[in-house]
Every structure is written in structure tokens, then in C-alpha cells.
N, C-alpha and C. Protein backbone atom coordinates (compact mmCIF):
# COMPACT_ATOMS: atom_id res chain seq x y z
N UNK A 1 4.13 88.32 86.59
CA UNK A 1 4.47 87.08 85.91
C UNK A 1 5.85 87.27 85.28
N UNK A 2 6.73 86.29 85.46
CA UNK A 2 8.06 86.43 84.89
C UNK A 2 8.05 86.14 83.39
N UNK A 3 9.13 86.50 82.73
CA UNK A 3 9.15 86.46 81.26
C UNK A 3 9.06 85.05 80.69
N UNK A 4 9.60 84.05 81.37
CA UNK A 4 9.52 82.68 80.83
C UNK A 4 8.08 82.16 80.87
N UNK A 5 7.35 82.46 81.94
CA UNK A 5 5.94 82.06 82.00
C UNK A 5 5.13 82.81 80.96
N UNK A 6 5.42 84.09 80.81
CA UNK A 6 4.71 84.92 79.83
C UNK A 6 4.93 84.36 78.41
N UNK A 7 6.16 84.02 78.09
CA UNK A 7 6.47 83.46 76.76
C UNK A 7 5.78 82.10 76.58
N UNK A 8 5.79 81.27 77.61
CA UNK A 8 5.14 79.97 77.53
C UNK A 8 3.64 80.13 77.25
N UNK A 9 2.99 80.99 78.01
CA UNK A 9 1.54 81.18 77.83
C UNK A 9 1.22 81.79 76.46
N UNK A 10 2.09 82.67 75.99
CA UNK A 10 1.86 83.27 74.68
C UNK A 10 1.93 82.20 73.58
N UNK A 11 2.92 81.32 73.64
CA UNK A 11 3.05 80.29 72.61
C UNK A 11 1.97 79.22 72.73
N UNK A 12 1.54 78.92 73.94
CA UNK A 12 0.40 78.01 74.11
C UNK A 12 -0.85 78.65 73.52
N UNK A 13 -1.03 79.95 73.74
CA UNK A 13 -2.18 80.66 73.16
C UNK A 13 -2.13 80.64 71.64
N UNK A 14 -0.95 80.84 71.06
CA UNK A 14 -0.81 80.76 69.61
C UNK A 14 -1.16 79.35 69.11
N UNK A 15 -0.69 78.34 69.81
CA UNK A 15 -1.00 76.96 69.41
C UNK A 15 -2.48 76.65 69.49
N UNK A 16 -3.14 77.13 70.53
CA UNK A 16 -4.59 76.94 70.66
C UNK A 16 -5.32 77.67 69.55
N UNK A 17 -4.89 78.89 69.24
CA UNK A 17 -5.52 79.66 68.16
C UNK A 17 -5.38 78.93 66.82
N UNK A 18 -4.19 78.46 66.52
CA UNK A 18 -3.98 77.75 65.25
C UNK A 18 -4.80 76.47 65.20
N UNK A 19 -4.83 75.72 66.29
CA UNK A 19 -5.62 74.48 66.33
C UNK A 19 -7.10 74.77 66.15
N UNK A 20 -7.60 75.79 66.84
CA UNK A 20 -9.02 76.15 66.72
C UNK A 20 -9.35 76.59 65.30
N UNK A 21 -8.48 77.37 64.70
CA UNK A 21 -8.71 77.82 63.32
C UNK A 21 -8.68 76.63 62.36
N UNK A 22 -7.79 75.69 62.57
CA UNK A 22 -7.74 74.50 61.71
C UNK A 22 -9.03 73.69 61.84
N UNK A 23 -9.56 73.58 63.04
CA UNK A 23 -10.81 72.84 63.24
C UNK A 23 -11.96 73.57 62.55
N UNK A 24 -12.05 74.88 62.73
CA UNK A 24 -13.11 75.66 62.08
C UNK A 24 -12.96 75.60 60.56
N UNK A 25 -11.73 75.70 60.10
CA UNK A 25 -11.46 75.66 58.66
C UNK A 25 -11.86 74.33 58.04
N UNK A 26 -11.58 73.25 58.73
CA UNK A 26 -11.86 71.93 58.15
C UNK A 26 -13.30 71.46 58.37
N UNK A 27 -14.05 72.12 59.24
CA UNK A 27 -15.43 71.70 59.46
C UNK A 27 -16.46 72.68 58.90
N UNK A 28 -16.32 73.95 59.23
CA UNK A 28 -17.32 74.93 58.82
C UNK A 28 -16.96 75.66 57.52
N UNK A 29 -15.73 76.10 57.42
CA UNK A 29 -15.34 76.94 56.29
C UNK A 29 -15.13 76.15 55.00
N UNK A 30 -15.10 74.83 55.08
CA UNK A 30 -14.92 74.03 53.87
C UNK A 30 -16.16 74.12 52.97
N UNK A 31 -17.24 74.62 53.51
CA UNK A 31 -18.47 74.78 52.72
C UNK A 31 -18.47 76.07 51.89
N UNK A 32 -17.57 77.01 52.23
CA UNK A 32 -17.42 78.25 51.45
C UNK A 32 -16.43 77.96 50.34
N UNK A 33 -16.86 78.15 49.10
CA UNK A 33 -15.98 77.83 47.98
C UNK A 33 -16.13 78.88 46.88
N UNK A 34 -15.01 79.27 46.33
CA UNK A 34 -14.97 80.18 45.20
C UNK A 34 -13.88 79.67 44.27
N UNK A 35 -14.23 79.37 43.04
CA UNK A 35 -13.30 78.77 42.06
C UNK A 35 -12.71 77.47 42.61
N UNK A 36 -13.51 76.68 43.28
CA UNK A 36 -13.12 75.40 43.87
C UNK A 36 -12.04 75.56 44.94
N UNK A 37 -12.00 76.71 45.58
CA UNK A 37 -11.05 76.96 46.66
C UNK A 37 -11.79 77.39 47.91
N UNK A 38 -11.30 76.94 49.04
CA UNK A 38 -11.87 77.31 50.32
C UNK A 38 -10.89 78.22 51.07
N UNK A 39 -11.35 78.90 52.11
CA UNK A 39 -10.43 79.77 52.86
C UNK A 39 -9.27 78.97 53.46
N UNK A 40 -8.11 79.54 53.42
CA UNK A 40 -6.91 78.95 54.01
C UNK A 40 -6.36 79.97 55.00
N UNK A 41 -6.73 79.82 56.26
CA UNK A 41 -6.45 80.84 57.26
C UNK A 41 -5.10 80.70 57.95
N UNK A 42 -4.52 79.52 57.95
CA UNK A 42 -3.26 79.31 58.65
C UNK A 42 -2.11 80.12 58.05
N UNK A 43 -1.99 80.24 56.71
CA UNK A 43 -0.92 81.11 56.20
C UNK A 43 -1.03 82.56 56.71
N UNK A 44 -2.26 83.04 56.84
CA UNK A 44 -2.40 84.39 57.39
C UNK A 44 -1.95 84.44 58.85
N UNK A 45 -2.30 83.42 59.63
CA UNK A 45 -1.85 83.38 61.02
C UNK A 45 -0.33 83.34 61.11
N UNK A 46 0.28 82.54 60.25
CA UNK A 46 1.75 82.48 60.24
C UNK A 46 2.32 83.87 59.95
N UNK A 47 1.78 84.56 58.95
CA UNK A 47 2.28 85.88 58.59
C UNK A 47 2.06 86.89 59.71
N UNK A 48 0.86 86.91 60.29
CA UNK A 48 0.54 87.89 61.33
C UNK A 48 1.36 87.66 62.60
N UNK A 49 1.55 86.41 62.98
CA UNK A 49 2.33 86.12 64.18
C UNK A 49 3.81 86.35 63.91
N UNK A 50 4.29 85.95 62.74
CA UNK A 50 5.70 86.16 62.40
C UNK A 50 6.03 87.65 62.38
N UNK A 51 5.10 88.46 61.95
CA UNK A 51 5.29 89.90 61.91
C UNK A 51 5.52 90.44 63.33
N UNK A 52 4.91 89.85 64.31
CA UNK A 52 5.03 90.30 65.70
C UNK A 52 6.19 89.68 66.46
N UNK A 53 6.67 88.52 66.02
CA UNK A 53 7.62 87.75 66.83
C UNK A 53 9.08 87.81 66.39
N UNK A 54 9.38 88.38 65.24
CA UNK A 54 10.76 88.41 64.79
C UNK A 54 11.15 87.12 64.10
N UNK A 55 12.42 87.03 63.68
CA UNK A 55 12.86 85.92 62.83
C UNK A 55 12.79 84.57 63.55
N UNK A 56 13.35 84.47 64.75
CA UNK A 56 13.35 83.17 65.44
C UNK A 56 11.93 82.78 65.84
N UNK A 57 11.15 83.73 66.30
CA UNK A 57 9.75 83.44 66.61
C UNK A 57 8.96 83.09 65.38
N UNK A 58 9.31 83.72 64.24
CA UNK A 58 8.64 83.43 62.98
C UNK A 58 8.92 82.00 62.53
N UNK A 59 10.15 81.56 62.68
CA UNK A 59 10.47 80.16 62.34
C UNK A 59 9.74 79.22 63.29
N UNK A 60 9.67 79.60 64.56
CA UNK A 60 8.96 78.77 65.53
C UNK A 60 7.48 78.67 65.25
N UNK A 61 6.85 79.79 64.87
CA UNK A 61 5.42 79.73 64.58
C UNK A 61 5.18 78.97 63.29
N UNK A 62 6.09 79.09 62.32
CA UNK A 62 5.97 78.30 61.10
C UNK A 62 6.04 76.82 61.40
N UNK A 63 6.95 76.43 62.28
CA UNK A 63 7.08 75.03 62.68
C UNK A 63 5.82 74.55 63.40
N UNK A 64 5.34 75.34 64.35
CA UNK A 64 4.14 74.98 65.10
C UNK A 64 2.93 74.85 64.18
N UNK A 65 2.72 75.85 63.32
CA UNK A 65 1.58 75.81 62.39
C UNK A 65 1.72 74.67 61.39
N UNK A 66 2.93 74.42 60.93
CA UNK A 66 3.14 73.34 59.97
C UNK A 66 2.87 71.97 60.56
N UNK A 67 3.32 71.74 61.78
CA UNK A 67 3.09 70.45 62.43
C UNK A 67 1.59 70.24 62.67
N UNK A 68 0.91 71.27 63.14
CA UNK A 68 -0.53 71.16 63.38
C UNK A 68 -1.27 70.91 62.07
N UNK A 69 -0.90 71.64 61.02
CA UNK A 69 -1.56 71.48 59.72
C UNK A 69 -1.29 70.11 59.13
N UNK A 70 -0.03 69.66 59.18
CA UNK A 70 0.29 68.32 58.67
C UNK A 70 -0.44 67.23 59.44
N UNK A 71 -0.66 67.45 60.73
CA UNK A 71 -1.39 66.46 61.52
C UNK A 71 -2.87 66.41 61.17
N UNK A 72 -3.42 67.54 60.72
CA UNK A 72 -4.86 67.60 60.47
C UNK A 72 -5.26 67.45 59.01
N UNK A 73 -4.33 67.68 58.09
CA UNK A 73 -4.65 67.58 56.67
C UNK A 73 -3.81 66.48 56.05
N UNK A 74 -4.46 65.47 55.49
CA UNK A 74 -3.68 64.41 54.84
C UNK A 74 -3.17 64.91 53.48
N UNK A 75 -1.89 65.15 53.42
CA UNK A 75 -1.27 65.61 52.18
C UNK A 75 0.13 65.04 52.12
N UNK A 76 0.98 65.70 51.43
CA UNK A 76 2.38 65.30 51.37
C UNK A 76 2.95 65.43 52.78
N UNK A 77 3.46 64.36 53.32
CA UNK A 77 3.96 64.36 54.69
C UNK A 77 5.07 65.38 54.88
N UNK A 78 4.86 66.29 55.81
CA UNK A 78 5.85 67.30 56.13
C UNK A 78 5.84 68.52 55.23
N UNK A 79 4.98 68.53 54.23
CA UNK A 79 4.96 69.66 53.29
C UNK A 79 4.65 70.98 53.98
N UNK A 80 3.58 71.01 54.76
CA UNK A 80 3.18 72.26 55.40
C UNK A 80 4.19 72.71 56.46
N UNK A 81 4.83 71.77 57.12
CA UNK A 81 5.85 72.13 58.10
C UNK A 81 6.98 72.89 57.42
N UNK A 82 7.48 72.35 56.35
CA UNK A 82 8.58 73.01 55.63
C UNK A 82 8.11 74.32 55.02
N UNK A 83 6.95 74.31 54.37
CA UNK A 83 6.45 75.53 53.71
C UNK A 83 6.20 76.65 54.72
N UNK A 84 5.61 76.34 55.87
CA UNK A 84 5.30 77.38 56.84
C UNK A 84 6.54 77.89 57.57
N UNK A 85 7.54 77.03 57.77
CA UNK A 85 8.79 77.51 58.34
C UNK A 85 9.46 78.50 57.39
N UNK A 86 9.48 78.16 56.10
CA UNK A 86 10.05 79.07 55.10
C UNK A 86 9.25 80.38 55.08
N UNK A 87 7.93 80.27 55.09
CA UNK A 87 7.08 81.48 55.12
C UNK A 87 7.38 82.33 56.34
N UNK A 88 7.48 81.72 57.49
CA UNK A 88 7.76 82.46 58.71
C UNK A 88 9.10 83.17 58.66
N UNK A 89 10.12 82.48 58.18
CA UNK A 89 11.45 83.10 58.10
C UNK A 89 11.44 84.26 57.11
N UNK A 90 10.81 84.08 55.95
CA UNK A 90 10.75 85.16 54.96
C UNK A 90 10.02 86.37 55.53
N UNK A 91 8.88 86.14 56.18
CA UNK A 91 8.13 87.26 56.77
C UNK A 91 8.94 87.92 57.89
N UNK A 92 9.59 87.12 58.72
CA UNK A 92 10.42 87.68 59.78
C UNK A 92 11.54 88.56 59.24
N UNK A 93 12.17 88.11 58.17
CA UNK A 93 13.23 88.92 57.55
C UNK A 93 12.67 90.19 56.91
N UNK A 94 11.56 90.06 56.18
CA UNK A 94 10.97 91.23 55.54
C UNK A 94 10.50 92.25 56.56
N UNK A 95 9.91 91.77 57.64
CA UNK A 95 9.40 92.67 58.66
C UNK A 95 10.54 93.42 59.35
N UNK A 96 11.66 92.78 59.41
CA UNK A 96 12.82 93.40 60.05
C UNK A 96 13.35 94.59 59.26
N UNK A 97 13.26 94.51 57.93
CA UNK A 97 13.89 95.55 57.11
C UNK A 97 12.92 96.43 56.33
N UNK A 98 11.66 96.01 56.16
CA UNK A 98 10.80 96.74 55.24
C UNK A 98 9.65 97.51 55.86
N UNK A 99 8.76 96.83 56.53
CA UNK A 99 7.47 97.44 56.85
C UNK A 99 7.20 97.50 58.34
N UNK A 100 6.21 98.32 58.68
CA UNK A 100 5.73 98.41 60.04
C UNK A 100 4.84 97.21 60.37
N UNK A 101 4.46 97.11 61.62
CA UNK A 101 3.64 96.00 62.08
C UNK A 101 2.18 96.43 62.18
N UNK A 102 1.53 96.58 61.02
CA UNK A 102 0.15 97.01 60.96
C UNK A 102 -0.65 96.01 60.13
N UNK A 103 -1.96 96.15 60.20
CA UNK A 103 -2.85 95.26 59.46
C UNK A 103 -2.59 95.25 57.95
N UNK A 104 -2.46 96.41 57.28
CA UNK A 104 -2.18 96.35 55.83
C UNK A 104 -0.88 95.62 55.50
N UNK A 105 0.14 95.80 56.34
CA UNK A 105 1.40 95.07 56.11
C UNK A 105 1.20 93.57 56.31
N UNK A 106 0.33 93.19 57.26
CA UNK A 106 0.08 91.76 57.47
C UNK A 106 -0.58 91.13 56.25
N UNK A 107 -1.40 91.90 55.53
CA UNK A 107 -2.00 91.39 54.30
C UNK A 107 -0.94 91.15 53.23
N UNK A 108 0.01 92.06 53.13
CA UNK A 108 1.11 91.87 52.17
C UNK A 108 1.93 90.64 52.54
N UNK A 109 2.28 90.50 53.81
CA UNK A 109 3.04 89.33 54.26
C UNK A 109 2.26 88.04 53.99
N UNK A 110 0.96 88.08 54.23
CA UNK A 110 0.12 86.90 53.98
C UNK A 110 0.14 86.53 52.50
N UNK A 111 0.04 87.52 51.62
CA UNK A 111 0.09 87.22 50.18
C UNK A 111 1.43 86.60 49.79
N UNK A 112 2.50 87.05 50.41
CA UNK A 112 3.81 86.44 50.17
C UNK A 112 3.79 84.99 50.63
N UNK A 113 3.19 84.72 51.79
CA UNK A 113 3.08 83.34 52.28
C UNK A 113 2.24 82.47 51.35
N UNK A 114 1.16 83.03 50.82
CA UNK A 114 0.31 82.28 49.88
C UNK A 114 1.11 81.92 48.63
N UNK A 115 1.88 82.87 48.11
CA UNK A 115 2.69 82.60 46.92
C UNK A 115 3.72 81.52 47.21
N UNK A 116 4.41 81.61 48.34
CA UNK A 116 5.42 80.61 48.70
C UNK A 116 4.78 79.24 48.84
N UNK A 117 3.69 79.16 49.60
CA UNK A 117 3.02 77.86 49.84
C UNK A 117 2.51 77.26 48.54
N UNK A 118 1.83 78.06 47.73
CA UNK A 118 1.25 77.54 46.50
C UNK A 118 2.30 77.21 45.45
N UNK A 119 3.37 78.00 45.39
CA UNK A 119 4.45 77.70 44.45
C UNK A 119 5.14 76.40 44.85
N UNK A 120 5.36 76.21 46.14
CA UNK A 120 5.97 74.95 46.61
C UNK A 120 5.04 73.78 46.31
N UNK A 121 3.75 73.96 46.53
CA UNK A 121 2.79 72.90 46.24
C UNK A 121 2.79 72.58 44.75
N UNK A 122 2.84 73.61 43.92
CA UNK A 122 2.89 73.42 42.47
C UNK A 122 4.12 72.59 42.09
N UNK A 123 5.28 72.93 42.65
CA UNK A 123 6.51 72.20 42.32
C UNK A 123 6.40 70.75 42.77
N UNK A 124 5.92 70.52 43.97
CA UNK A 124 5.85 69.15 44.50
C UNK A 124 4.82 68.31 43.75
N UNK A 125 3.62 68.81 43.62
CA UNK A 125 2.53 68.00 43.08
C UNK A 125 2.54 67.94 41.56
N UNK A 126 2.72 69.06 40.92
CA UNK A 126 2.57 69.09 39.48
C UNK A 126 3.88 68.83 38.73
N UNK A 127 4.99 69.31 39.23
CA UNK A 127 6.25 69.12 38.53
C UNK A 127 6.88 67.78 38.91
N UNK A 128 7.04 67.53 40.21
CA UNK A 128 7.72 66.30 40.63
C UNK A 128 6.85 65.06 40.45
N UNK A 129 5.55 65.18 40.73
CA UNK A 129 4.67 64.02 40.59
C UNK A 129 4.06 63.90 39.21
N UNK A 130 4.19 64.92 38.40
CA UNK A 130 3.74 64.85 37.02
C UNK A 130 2.25 64.96 36.80
N UNK A 131 1.53 65.53 37.74
CA UNK A 131 0.09 65.73 37.52
C UNK A 131 -0.12 66.87 36.52
N UNK A 132 -1.13 66.77 35.68
CA UNK A 132 -1.37 67.86 34.72
C UNK A 132 -1.86 69.12 35.42
N UNK A 133 -1.48 70.26 34.89
CA UNK A 133 -1.88 71.53 35.46
C UNK A 133 -2.51 72.38 34.36
N UNK A 134 -3.48 73.17 34.76
CA UNK A 134 -4.14 74.05 33.80
C UNK A 134 -4.42 75.39 34.44
N UNK A 135 -5.23 76.17 33.76
CA UNK A 135 -5.57 77.52 34.25
C UNK A 135 -6.37 77.47 35.54
N UNK A 136 -7.02 76.33 35.83
CA UNK A 136 -7.81 76.25 37.06
C UNK A 136 -6.95 76.40 38.30
N UNK A 137 -5.66 76.11 38.19
CA UNK A 137 -4.77 76.28 39.33
C UNK A 137 -4.72 77.75 39.76
N UNK A 138 -4.60 78.66 38.80
CA UNK A 138 -4.53 80.07 39.13
C UNK A 138 -5.88 80.61 39.59
N UNK A 139 -6.97 80.08 39.07
CA UNK A 139 -8.29 80.46 39.58
C UNK A 139 -8.45 80.00 41.02
N UNK A 140 -7.92 78.83 41.32
CA UNK A 140 -7.99 78.30 42.68
C UNK A 140 -7.21 79.21 43.63
N UNK A 141 -6.04 79.68 43.21
CA UNK A 141 -5.27 80.61 44.04
C UNK A 141 -6.06 81.89 44.29
N UNK A 142 -6.70 82.40 43.25
CA UNK A 142 -7.51 83.62 43.40
C UNK A 142 -8.68 83.37 44.34
N UNK A 143 -9.32 82.21 44.22
CA UNK A 143 -10.42 81.87 45.11
C UNK A 143 -9.97 81.76 46.55
N UNK A 144 -8.80 81.19 46.77
CA UNK A 144 -8.26 81.08 48.13
C UNK A 144 -8.03 82.46 48.73
N UNK A 145 -7.45 83.35 47.96
CA UNK A 145 -7.17 84.70 48.46
C UNK A 145 -8.47 85.46 48.75
N UNK A 146 -9.41 85.39 47.83
CA UNK A 146 -10.66 86.14 48.00
C UNK A 146 -11.52 85.62 49.15
N UNK A 147 -11.53 84.32 49.36
CA UNK A 147 -12.32 83.79 50.47
C UNK A 147 -11.63 83.99 51.82
N UNK A 148 -10.32 84.00 51.83
CA UNK A 148 -9.59 84.15 53.09
C UNK A 148 -9.59 85.59 53.58
N UNK A 149 -9.51 86.54 52.67
CA UNK A 149 -9.37 87.94 53.07
C UNK A 149 -10.54 88.41 53.93
N UNK A 150 -11.68 87.76 53.82
CA UNK A 150 -12.84 88.14 54.63
C UNK A 150 -12.62 87.90 56.12
N UNK A 151 -11.78 86.93 56.45
CA UNK A 151 -11.58 86.54 57.84
C UNK A 151 -10.34 87.16 58.48
N UNK A 152 -9.53 87.86 57.68
CA UNK A 152 -8.26 88.37 58.21
C UNK A 152 -8.42 89.43 59.30
N UNK A 153 -9.41 90.31 59.28
CA UNK A 153 -9.50 91.27 60.41
C UNK A 153 -9.70 90.59 61.76
N UNK A 154 -10.50 89.55 61.79
CA UNK A 154 -10.73 88.83 63.05
C UNK A 154 -9.45 88.13 63.51
N UNK A 155 -8.75 87.52 62.57
CA UNK A 155 -7.51 86.83 62.92
C UNK A 155 -6.44 87.82 63.38
N UNK A 156 -6.33 88.95 62.70
CA UNK A 156 -5.36 89.97 63.11
C UNK A 156 -5.66 90.45 64.53
N UNK A 157 -6.93 90.69 64.81
CA UNK A 157 -7.33 91.13 66.14
C UNK A 157 -6.93 90.09 67.19
N UNK A 158 -7.15 88.80 66.90
CA UNK A 158 -6.81 87.74 67.86
C UNK A 158 -5.30 87.70 68.10
N UNK A 159 -4.51 87.77 67.05
CA UNK A 159 -3.05 87.74 67.20
C UNK A 159 -2.58 88.98 67.95
N UNK A 160 -3.11 90.13 67.63
CA UNK A 160 -2.74 91.38 68.29
C UNK A 160 -3.04 91.30 69.78
N UNK A 161 -4.21 90.76 70.14
CA UNK A 161 -4.57 90.65 71.56
C UNK A 161 -3.67 89.67 72.30
N UNK A 162 -3.36 88.55 71.70
CA UNK A 162 -2.45 87.59 72.36
C UNK A 162 -1.09 88.24 72.57
N UNK A 163 -0.57 88.88 71.53
CA UNK A 163 0.74 89.50 71.62
C UNK A 163 0.75 90.61 72.67
N UNK A 164 -0.27 91.44 72.67
CA UNK A 164 -0.35 92.56 73.62
C UNK A 164 -0.49 92.06 75.06
N UNK A 165 -1.25 90.99 75.24
CA UNK A 165 -1.48 90.48 76.59
C UNK A 165 -0.21 89.95 77.25
N UNK A 166 0.67 89.38 76.45
CA UNK A 166 1.87 88.76 77.02
C UNK A 166 3.14 89.54 76.76
N UNK A 167 3.04 90.84 76.46
CA UNK A 167 4.25 91.67 76.35
C UNK A 167 4.90 91.79 77.71
N UNK A 168 6.21 91.88 77.70
CA UNK A 168 6.90 92.09 78.97
C UNK A 168 6.73 93.54 79.40
N UNK A 169 7.03 93.83 80.65
CA UNK A 169 6.88 95.19 81.16
C UNK A 169 7.80 96.16 80.40
N UNK A 170 9.00 95.71 80.00
CA UNK A 170 9.92 96.58 79.29
C UNK A 170 9.35 96.92 77.90
N UNK A 171 8.77 95.95 77.22
CA UNK A 171 8.23 96.18 75.88
C UNK A 171 6.97 97.02 75.91
N UNK A 172 6.14 96.86 76.94
CA UNK A 172 4.88 97.57 76.99
C UNK A 172 5.02 98.97 77.59
N UNK A 173 6.18 99.28 78.18
CA UNK A 173 6.38 100.61 78.75
C UNK A 173 5.82 100.77 80.15
N UNK A 174 5.47 99.66 80.81
CA UNK A 174 4.91 99.73 82.16
C UNK A 174 6.02 99.84 83.17
């Protein structure tokens, strides 16, 4: 298989994975709640894929995940697209200069994405729109992290398999 087909199938696979996770998240996982927060798996997918794809691929996966999320979650129009692109770029840059591409590093990148997404949400909803904020906001962030971390090994495995399956012969050493 030539490299353009391989890249196309890899990105289609990433899109299918993100769409499937969004469907599972919005139908089944919404029943799991801790501190009024449910698992938020897409930021982890953005971090894990961005870690594997580099800066331009990270921006691309942020855009793809953001568009899918904005289409499925009624919120501030375009919020997730912008937030996930920023998350992808930050993770792509950090991965380039700081850490290896392993599961523990993906957890650190994911936590950075959670902070970026939630801080942006805080600024948009609570500061710009003037909604009151209290300590429950930070409990909600903790609940999101604690409920999501349970699913990260499965997601990491899925991203790793997609990436490994579509490596070029030069990258895989074949």
C-alpha cells in the first residue's frame, strides 16, 4: 500500500474511533458520574493521537475531534474545535521537545489538554457570560479526571494499534 493510501486509512480510522467514542460517551458513559462529572474521553484521544502524529498531525486531529464534538454536543458553537486544535498543537510541541511516546506520557499530555479545555470553558462561560462559579467547578474537574482515567488504557491501545498498523515501511523498519 502506498503512503497516501496508508495516511488516508489511518485518518479515517482515527475519525471512526473518535466518532464511536463520542457515541459511547454520550449514550452509555453519561450514566457514570462523580462530583456531577462524566468521563470525557475525546481530550485523551486528542492527546494520545497528537503524541504519535507530530505538530501538524496534532493540529489536524484537534480539528477533526473538535468538529465531531461540536457536531454532537450542543454547546458554544466552535468551542471544542478551537480548544482541541490548541490542545493538539500544545501536545505536539511538548512531545517534540520533552517526553517519549509512552502511556505514562500520554496521561500527562491528557491532563494538560484537560486543563486547557476546562480553563477555556471557564473563561468563555463564567467570565465572558457572567455565570456564577463556585468550588463545584473544581470538584467537577476532579470528577472528570477520575472517571476518565479508567478508560485510558483501552483508548491508548486503540490509538497505538491504528498508528502501528499504518506505519510506512521506512518508519516500521521493514
